[in-house]
Protein backbone atom coordinates (compact mmCIF):
# COMPACT_ATOMS: atom_id res chain seq x y z
CA MET A 1 10.34 22.83 -27.12
CA ALA A 2 13.82 24.06 -26.23
CA PHE A 3 17.27 24.08 -27.70
CA ALA A 4 20.59 22.43 -26.01
CA PHE A 5 23.58 23.80 -27.72
CA GLU A 6 26.50 21.18 -27.67
CA ARG A 7 29.97 21.00 -29.15
CA MET A 8 31.06 18.47 -31.78
CA ALA A 9 35.01 17.89 -31.43
CA GLY A 10 36.81 17.31 -35.12
CA GLN A 11 33.70 17.83 -36.89
CA THR A 12 32.99 21.07 -39.23
CA ALA A 13 29.86 22.48 -40.10
CA PRO A 14 29.82 24.18 -43.73
CA GLY A 15 29.14 27.80 -42.59
CA ALA A 16 29.53 27.73 -39.41
CA LYS A 17 31.09 30.19 -37.10
CA GLU A 18 33.73 29.14 -34.37
CA PHE A 19 33.05 29.96 -31.00
CA GLY A 20 36.26 29.31 -29.09
CA GLU A 21 37.69 25.79 -30.20
CA LYS A 22 38.85 25.45 -33.51
CA ASN A 23 36.77 22.86 -35.73
CA CYS A 24 34.39 22.57 -32.80
CA PRO A 25 30.71 23.43 -34.28
CA LEU A 26 27.89 23.78 -32.55
CA ARG A 27 25.42 20.63 -32.58
CA ILE A 28 21.52 21.95 -31.99
CA SER A 29 19.27 19.07 -29.97
CA PHE A 30 15.77 19.13 -29.31
CA LEU A 31 14.59 18.85 -25.74
CA THR A 32 11.24 18.81 -24.65
CA SER A 33 10.62 20.87 -21.42
CA VAL A 34 8.50 19.30 -18.77
CA ILE A 35 5.85 21.72 -17.62
CA VAL A 36 4.13 20.99 -14.47
CA PRO A 37 0.58 22.40 -14.27
CA VAL A 38 -0.53 24.60 -10.98
CA HIS A 39 -4.35 23.54 -9.70
CA PHE A 40 -5.92 26.59 -7.46
CA THR A 41 -9.27 25.96 -5.67
CA ILE A 42 -11.16 28.32 -3.67
CA LEU A 43 -12.51 25.61 -0.79
CA GLY A 44 -14.76 28.80 0.28
CA SER A 45 -15.59 32.18 0.47
CA GLY A 46 -17.89 34.43 1.88
CA SER A 47 -18.40 36.51 5.09
CA GLY A 48 -18.43 33.22 7.29
CA GLY A 49 -15.06 32.10 6.13
CA ASN A 50 -12.29 31.66 3.47
CA CYS A 51 -9.81 29.46 2.21
CA ALA A 52 -8.05 28.16 -1.00
CA TYR A 53 -5.86 25.94 -1.69
CA LEU A 54 -2.88 26.51 -4.22
CA GLU A 55 -0.57 23.44 -5.35
CA THR A 56 2.49 23.71 -7.70
CA GLY A 57 5.07 21.45 -8.70
CA GLU A 58 6.96 21.50 -5.60
CA THR A 59 4.51 23.52 -3.02
CA ARG A 60 1.38 23.31 -1.59
CA LEU A 61 -0.43 26.36 0.26
CA LEU A 62 -3.50 27.57 2.06
CA ILE A 63 -4.24 31.16 1.54
CA ASP A 64 -6.38 31.88 5.16
CA ALA A 65 -7.94 29.19 7.26
CA GLY A 66 -11.21 30.70 8.02
CA PHE A 67 -13.19 27.41 8.67
CA SER A 68 -12.73 24.99 10.92
CA GLY A 69 -9.79 22.48 10.94
CA ARG A 70 -12.46 19.73 10.88
CA GLN A 71 -14.39 21.80 7.91
CA ILE A 72 -10.76 22.71 5.88
CA ARG A 73 -9.94 18.97 6.06
CA GLN A 74 -13.09 17.83 4.83
CA ARG A 75 -13.06 20.00 1.73
CA LEU A 76 -9.43 19.18 1.15
CA ALA A 77 -10.56 15.90 1.13
CA GLY A 78 -13.01 16.59 -1.87
CA ILE A 79 -10.14 17.60 -4.10
CA ALA A 80 -8.17 14.14 -3.12
CA ARG A 81 -5.63 16.37 -0.90
CA SER A 82 -5.32 16.29 2.89
CA PRO A 83 -3.21 18.96 5.34
CA GLU A 84 -0.32 16.85 5.84
CA SER A 85 0.98 17.83 2.80
CA LEU A 86 1.02 21.08 3.37
CA GLN A 87 4.08 23.92 3.53
CA GLY A 88 2.45 26.27 5.14
CA ILE A 89 -0.71 29.00 5.74
CA LEU A 90 -0.53 32.33 4.19
CA ILE A 91 -2.75 35.00 6.31
CA THR A 92 -3.98 37.91 5.14
CA HIS A 93 -5.38 39.48 8.47
CA GLU A 94 -6.41 38.16 12.09
CA HIS A 95 -10.71 38.10 11.80
CA SER A 96 -12.25 34.86 12.72
CA ASP A 97 -13.19 34.51 9.12
CA HIS A 98 -9.88 33.98 7.91
CA ILE A 99 -7.85 32.33 10.99
CA GLN A 100 -10.51 30.02 12.20
CA GLY A 101 -9.07 26.96 11.45
CA LEU A 102 -5.49 27.64 12.64
CA VAL A 103 -5.62 25.68 15.73
CA GLY A 104 -7.12 22.62 14.16
CA LEU A 105 -4.50 22.65 11.78
CA ALA A 106 -1.68 24.71 12.08
CA SER A 107 -1.02 24.50 16.20
CA LYS A 108 -1.62 20.69 15.92
CA MET A 109 0.23 19.51 12.80
CA GLN A 110 2.93 22.25 13.29
CA ILE A 111 2.40 23.71 9.85
CA PRO A 112 3.79 26.80 9.11
CA ILE A 113 2.18 30.21 9.08
CA TYR A 114 3.25 33.43 7.06
CA CYS A 115 2.14 36.53 8.43
CA ASN A 116 3.52 39.99 9.45
CA ARG A 117 4.65 40.51 12.82
CA LEU A 118 1.06 42.45 14.09
CA THR A 119 -1.00 40.05 12.60
CA LYS A 120 0.86 37.36 14.14
CA GLU A 121 0.45 39.13 17.95
CA ALA A 122 -3.44 39.21 17.35
CA ILE A 123 -3.88 35.94 16.19
CA GLU A 124 -1.81 34.42 18.97
CA ASN A 125 -3.92 36.69 21.58
CA GLN A 126 -7.22 35.88 19.89
CA LEU A 127 -6.46 32.38 19.64
CA GLN A 128 -4.62 32.11 22.82
CA ALA A 129 -2.37 29.53 21.05
CA ARG A 130 0.82 29.66 19.75
CA PHE A 131 2.51 28.84 16.18
CA ASP A 132 5.23 28.42 13.44
CA CYS A 133 5.26 31.88 12.36
CA ARG A 134 7.38 33.05 9.48
CA LEU A 135 6.94 36.60 9.82
CA PHE A 136 7.25 39.15 6.69
CA SER A 137 7.31 42.49 6.47
CA THR A 138 4.55 44.10 4.47
CA GLY A 139 5.76 44.96 1.13
CA ALA A 140 8.28 42.61 1.00
CA SER A 141 8.30 39.64 -1.26
CA PHE A 142 9.61 36.13 -0.55
CA GLU A 143 9.61 32.27 -1.39
CA ILE A 144 8.02 29.14 -0.56
CA GLY A 145 9.28 26.44 -2.35
CA ASP A 146 8.52 27.39 -6.23
CA VAL A 147 6.02 30.00 -5.51
CA THR A 148 7.19 33.63 -4.80
CA VAL A 149 4.86 35.69 -2.61
CA ASP A 150 4.44 39.31 -3.08
CA THR A 151 2.76 41.00 -0.29
CA PHE A 152 1.37 44.43 -0.21
CA SER A 153 -0.98 47.02 2.27
CA VAL A 154 -4.73 46.74 1.71
CA PRO A 155 -6.88 49.51 3.50
CA HIS A 156 -8.98 47.50 6.03
CA ASP A 157 -9.97 47.78 9.56
CA ALA A 158 -7.23 44.94 10.78
CA TYR A 159 -4.09 45.54 12.44
CA ASP A 160 -2.08 45.21 9.24
CA PRO A 161 -4.21 43.89 6.50
CA VAL A 162 -2.36 42.43 3.39
CA GLY A 163 -3.36 41.53 -0.01
CA PHE A 164 -1.17 38.48 -2.14
CA LEU A 165 -0.03 37.98 -5.23
CA LEU A 166 0.98 34.48 -5.85
CA ARG A 167 3.82 33.97 -8.93
CA THR A 168 4.00 30.89 -9.98
CA THR A 169 4.96 28.76 -13.74
CA GLY A 170 1.73 28.54 -14.30
CA GLY A 171 0.37 32.51 -14.20
CA ASN A 172 0.08 34.73 -11.04
CA ILE A 173 -2.89 34.80 -8.61
CA GLY A 174 -3.74 37.93 -6.97
CA PHE A 175 -6.04 38.05 -3.55
CA LEU A 176 -8.20 41.37 -2.53
CA THR A 177 -10.56 39.66 -0.79
CA ASP A 178 -10.90 42.28 2.53
CA LEU A 179 -10.54 46.12 1.34
CA GLY A 180 -12.74 49.38 1.78
CA HIS A 181 -10.97 50.99 -1.27
CA ALA A 182 -8.29 49.85 -3.71
CA THR A 183 -5.41 52.55 -3.89
CA LYS A 184 -3.15 52.70 -6.82
CA LEU A 185 -0.74 50.85 -4.51
CA VAL A 186 -3.38 47.60 -4.44
CA VAL A 187 -4.29 48.37 -8.34
CA GLU A 188 -0.34 48.41 -9.33
CA ARG A 189 0.36 45.31 -7.31
CA VAL A 190 -2.05 43.04 -8.92
CA LYS A 191 -2.19 44.34 -12.30
CA ASN A 192 -0.13 41.45 -13.57
CA SER A 193 -2.86 38.84 -12.47
CA HIS A 194 -3.88 36.06 -14.77
CA VAL A 195 -6.36 34.98 -11.79
CA LEU A 196 -7.82 37.27 -9.49
CA VAL A 197 -10.05 36.83 -6.14
CA LEU A 198 -11.96 39.94 -5.84
CA GLU A 199 -14.04 41.31 -2.62
CA THR A 200 -17.60 41.78 -3.66
CA ASN A 201 -18.86 42.16 -0.33
CA HIS A 202 -22.28 43.55 -0.64
CA ASP A 203 -25.20 45.34 -2.64
CA LEU A 204 -25.69 48.29 -1.43
CA LYS A 205 -29.86 48.19 -1.50
CA LEU A 206 -29.41 45.37 0.26
CA LEU A 207 -27.19 46.33 3.45
CA GLN A 208 -29.22 49.83 3.96
CA GLU A 209 -32.41 47.62 4.10
CA ASP A 210 -30.62 44.83 6.26
CA THR A 211 -32.38 44.95 9.70
CA LYS A 212 -29.67 42.50 11.27
CA ARG A 213 -26.99 44.77 11.76
CA PRO A 214 -27.09 48.41 13.68
CA TRP A 215 -26.05 51.63 12.10
CA SER A 216 -22.66 51.44 13.76
CA ILE A 217 -21.94 48.30 11.55
CA LYS A 218 -23.59 49.45 8.41
CA GLN A 219 -20.56 52.28 8.53
CA ARG A 220 -17.90 50.29 9.56
CA ILE A 221 -18.48 48.38 6.09
CA LEU A 222 -19.28 51.13 4.03
CA SER A 223 -16.02 53.12 4.96
CA ARG A 224 -13.14 53.17 3.23
CA HIS A 225 -11.87 50.80 5.80
CA GLY A 226 -14.43 48.27 5.17
CA HIS A 227 -15.77 46.18 2.39
CA LEU A 228 -15.97 46.61 -0.85
CA CYS A 229 -19.61 46.61 -2.71
CA ASN A 230 -20.54 45.04 -5.86
CA ASP A 231 -20.26 48.19 -8.19
CA ALA A 232 -17.23 49.25 -5.89
CA ALA A 233 -15.55 46.15 -6.90
CA ALA A 234 -16.52 46.47 -10.83
CA ASP A 235 -14.69 50.03 -10.91
CA VAL A 236 -11.50 48.12 -9.20
CA ALA A 237 -12.07 45.11 -11.62
CA GLU A 238 -11.89 47.74 -14.23
CA GLN A 239 -8.80 49.08 -13.42
CA ILE A 240 -7.04 46.37 -13.21
CA VAL A 241 -8.06 44.45 -15.99
CA SER A 242 -5.62 43.50 -18.60
CA ALA A 243 -5.17 40.91 -21.38
CA ASP A 244 -3.41 38.53 -18.82
CA LEU A 245 -6.41 38.74 -16.89
CA ARG A 246 -8.30 35.01 -17.66
CA HIS A 247 -10.31 34.44 -14.35
CA LEU A 248 -11.95 36.47 -12.05
CA TYR A 249 -13.38 34.99 -8.59
CA LEU A 250 -16.11 37.44 -6.50
CA GLY A 251 -15.45 36.78 -3.01
CA HIS A 252 -16.18 37.34 0.57
CA LEU A 253 -19.76 37.64 -0.45
CA SER A 254 -22.40 38.52 2.68
CA ARG A 255 -24.61 36.12 2.74
CA ASP A 256 -27.35 38.89 4.05
CA CYS A 257 -26.53 41.44 1.76
CA ASN A 258 -25.72 39.96 -0.94
CA ARG A 259 -26.62 37.87 -3.72
CA PRO A 260 -24.22 35.48 -6.13
CA GLU A 261 -26.18 36.07 -8.97
CA LEU A 262 -26.21 40.16 -8.39
CA ALA A 263 -22.44 40.17 -8.07
CA HIS A 264 -21.87 38.35 -11.03
CA ARG A 265 -24.22 40.53 -13.24
CA VAL A 266 -22.66 43.70 -11.87
CA ILE A 267 -19.06 42.61 -12.20
CA SER A 268 -20.18 40.56 -16.01
CA GLU A 269 -21.94 43.89 -17.33
CA ARG A 270 -18.88 45.77 -16.69
CA MET A 271 -16.61 43.91 -18.29
CA GLY A 272 -18.95 43.45 -21.51
CA LYS A 273 -18.85 47.17 -21.17
CA ILE A 274 -15.19 47.62 -21.60
CA GLY A 275 -14.75 45.31 -23.98
CA ALA A 276 -13.14 42.70 -21.61
CA HIS A 277 -14.96 39.41 -23.02
CA HIS A 278 -12.09 37.28 -22.41
CA VAL A 279 -12.31 37.22 -18.52
CA SER A 280 -14.14 34.75 -17.21
CA VAL A 281 -16.20 35.90 -14.28
CA GLN A 282 -17.60 33.42 -11.29
CA SER A 283 -19.20 34.11 -7.91
CA THR A 284 -17.83 31.84 -4.73
CA SER A 285 -19.76 30.50 -2.09
CA GLN A 286 -18.58 29.70 1.64
CA ASP A 287 -20.81 26.88 1.53
CA THR A 288 -19.41 24.85 -1.49
CA PRO A 289 -15.84 24.97 -3.03
CA CYS A 290 -14.94 26.26 -6.81
CA ALA A 291 -14.32 23.63 -9.24
CA THR A 292 -10.26 23.54 -9.52
CA LEU A 293 -8.58 25.60 -11.93
CA THR A 294 -5.76 24.29 -13.94
CA LEU A 295 -3.08 26.69 -14.99
CA GLY A 296 0.14 25.68 -17.26
């Protein structure tokens, strides 16, 4: 409920103080403010592809486009949406599981891409295509419609990888999908999240026992510029959790080296241990979208 203050000329209210004109007291009227809900859907998240959809009163965005253009269109159709309504695609970094749908979507449909310069150059070289890129400097904040986008550097083995905090009227949504460890800056930038997408890439034991990956790849994954394991993600979540955080999505799970139930158990147990029972923990899948979350 909002209050509107108006002057009524020629009338005097008992005990009213004058603000400017004589005999012109304040009239208080009641206005109902319209709250437009914010809708957030993880269309898929895993080592084979990552993409999320955000819809506010004025703005419709994708965060990463790591599935084929056809797949993304189909997944949007599953929530009664289409790429034609998008105002932009935010890109965290240039790895294929975050950009493989760009040619089929952004290039053909001329949807703006928001990324930093090094990521733009890497994407265009990798995909051999040109896009309508709206460049930002890592660490900067900018607006797309009624969404404020905060960007920050994350430690990952890409040219200039970033995380996002998307500030909307319904709440703040943080993205930490690819990182080898969380710096103090990373923790600080997503501390005010109401919703957080946090990487839980692998289970240490499953990765060590995996026979498909050579030792060099395992070393890359385990490095400080690689990917978070379940236990490391729990440490990060413990640093970030606050009274504001309500929804924690476990993202970027390896199909071979993790299990949704393993990641969920590790994070849920840690949240319970620190008394964060108000946080809803949900594993994601690269095969199927999560249910749409409505905020506001």
